[in-house]
Protein backbone atom coordinates (compact mmCIF):
# COMPACT_ATOMS: atom_id res chain seq x y z
CA UNK A 1 -27.53 15.56 11.00
CA UNK A 2 -25.45 17.45 8.45
CA UNK A 3 -26.19 16.88 4.79
CA UNK A 4 -23.80 14.44 3.14
CA UNK A 5 -23.55 14.09 -0.63
CA UNK A 6 -21.90 11.02 -2.15
CA UNK A 7 -21.08 11.01 -5.84
CA UNK A 8 -20.74 7.83 -7.83
CA UNK A 9 -17.46 7.54 -9.71
CA UNK A 10 -17.50 7.97 -13.46
CA UNK A 11 -14.56 5.60 -13.71
CA UNK A 12 -14.05 2.24 -11.99
CA UNK A 13 -10.78 0.33 -12.44
CA UNK A 14 -10.11 -3.12 -11.06
CA UNK A 15 -7.51 -5.82 -11.45
CA UNK A 16 -4.42 -7.19 -9.81
CA UNK A 17 -2.03 -4.46 -8.68
CA UNK A 18 -4.00 -1.48 -9.99
CA UNK A 19 -4.83 0.21 -6.66
CA UNK A 20 -1.65 2.35 -6.48
CA UNK A 21 -2.58 3.84 -9.88
CA UNK A 22 -5.35 5.72 -8.09
CA UNK A 23 -2.74 8.19 -6.81
CA UNK A 24 -1.85 9.36 -10.33
CA UNK A 25 -5.53 9.64 -11.24
CA UNK A 26 -6.35 11.66 -8.11
CA UNK A 27 -3.33 13.93 -8.58
CA UNK A 28 -4.70 14.94 -12.01
CA UNK A 29 -7.61 16.53 -10.14
CA UNK A 30 -5.38 18.27 -7.56
CA UNK A 31 -6.71 16.10 -4.74
CA UNK A 32 -4.88 17.00 -1.53
CA UNK A 33 -6.33 14.51 0.95
CA UNK A 34 -8.19 11.19 0.84
CA UNK A 35 -10.12 9.23 3.45
CA UNK A 36 -8.99 5.61 3.34
CA UNK A 37 -11.69 3.24 4.56
CA UNK A 38 -11.00 -0.47 4.80
CA UNK A 39 -11.59 -3.57 6.85
CA UNK A 40 -8.95 -4.87 9.23
CA UNK A 41 -8.37 -7.94 7.01
CA UNK A 42 -6.95 -5.81 4.16
CA UNK A 43 -5.52 -2.88 6.11
CA UNK A 44 -1.94 -4.19 6.16
CA UNK A 45 -2.03 -4.80 2.39
CA UNK A 46 -2.58 -1.13 1.53
CA UNK A 47 1.04 -0.05 1.97
CA UNK A 48 1.60 0.35 -1.78
CA UNK A 49 -1.48 2.55 -2.02
CA UNK A 50 -0.36 4.74 0.89
CA UNK A 51 3.15 5.04 -0.58
CA UNK A 52 1.83 6.00 -4.03
CA UNK A 53 -0.51 8.60 -2.53
CA UNK A 54 2.28 10.11 -0.43
CA UNK A 55 4.64 10.29 -3.42
CA UNK A 56 1.90 12.17 -5.27
CA UNK A 57 1.64 14.68 -2.42
CA UNK A 58 -1.72 13.38 -1.25
CA UNK A 59 -2.36 13.15 2.49
CA UNK A 60 -3.98 9.91 3.68
CA UNK A 61 -6.52 10.06 6.51
CA UNK A 62 -7.13 6.57 7.88
CA UNK A 63 -10.57 5.68 9.21
CA UNK A 64 -10.80 3.06 11.93
CA UNK A 65 -11.19 -0.41 10.42
CA UNK A 66 -14.76 -1.20 9.42
CA UNK A 67 -15.49 -4.92 9.38
CA UNK A 68 -19.16 -4.80 8.44
CA UNK A 69 -21.50 -2.75 6.28
CA UNK A 70 -20.99 0.83 7.49
CA UNK A 71 -23.88 2.79 8.95
CA UNK A 72 -24.50 6.53 8.76
CA UNK A 73 -23.52 6.74 12.44
CA UNK A 74 -20.14 5.13 11.70
CA UNK A 75 -19.58 7.60 8.87
CA UNK A 76 -20.42 10.51 11.19
CA UNK A 77 -17.78 9.32 13.68
CA UNK A 78 -15.13 9.31 10.96
CA UNK A 79 -16.11 12.83 9.87
CA UNK A 80 -15.54 14.08 13.42
CA UNK A 81 -11.92 12.82 13.50
């Protein structure tokens, strides 16, 4: 298995309607592409996030919906896409 390093965020923001603000934050760091991981129950509600990311010039890579706690094997599949 390849080595995978996950870094914990230094900033966590939560609250009603704040998700699209992530695009502005990511753009400050010249992020070009993000992997969007979600469950099928919220997938259709992420349109505002996708739109904000696109307007900021950030490509969105969608992972297949994950409806349970992800395993390392599931993560490996997404990395191969």
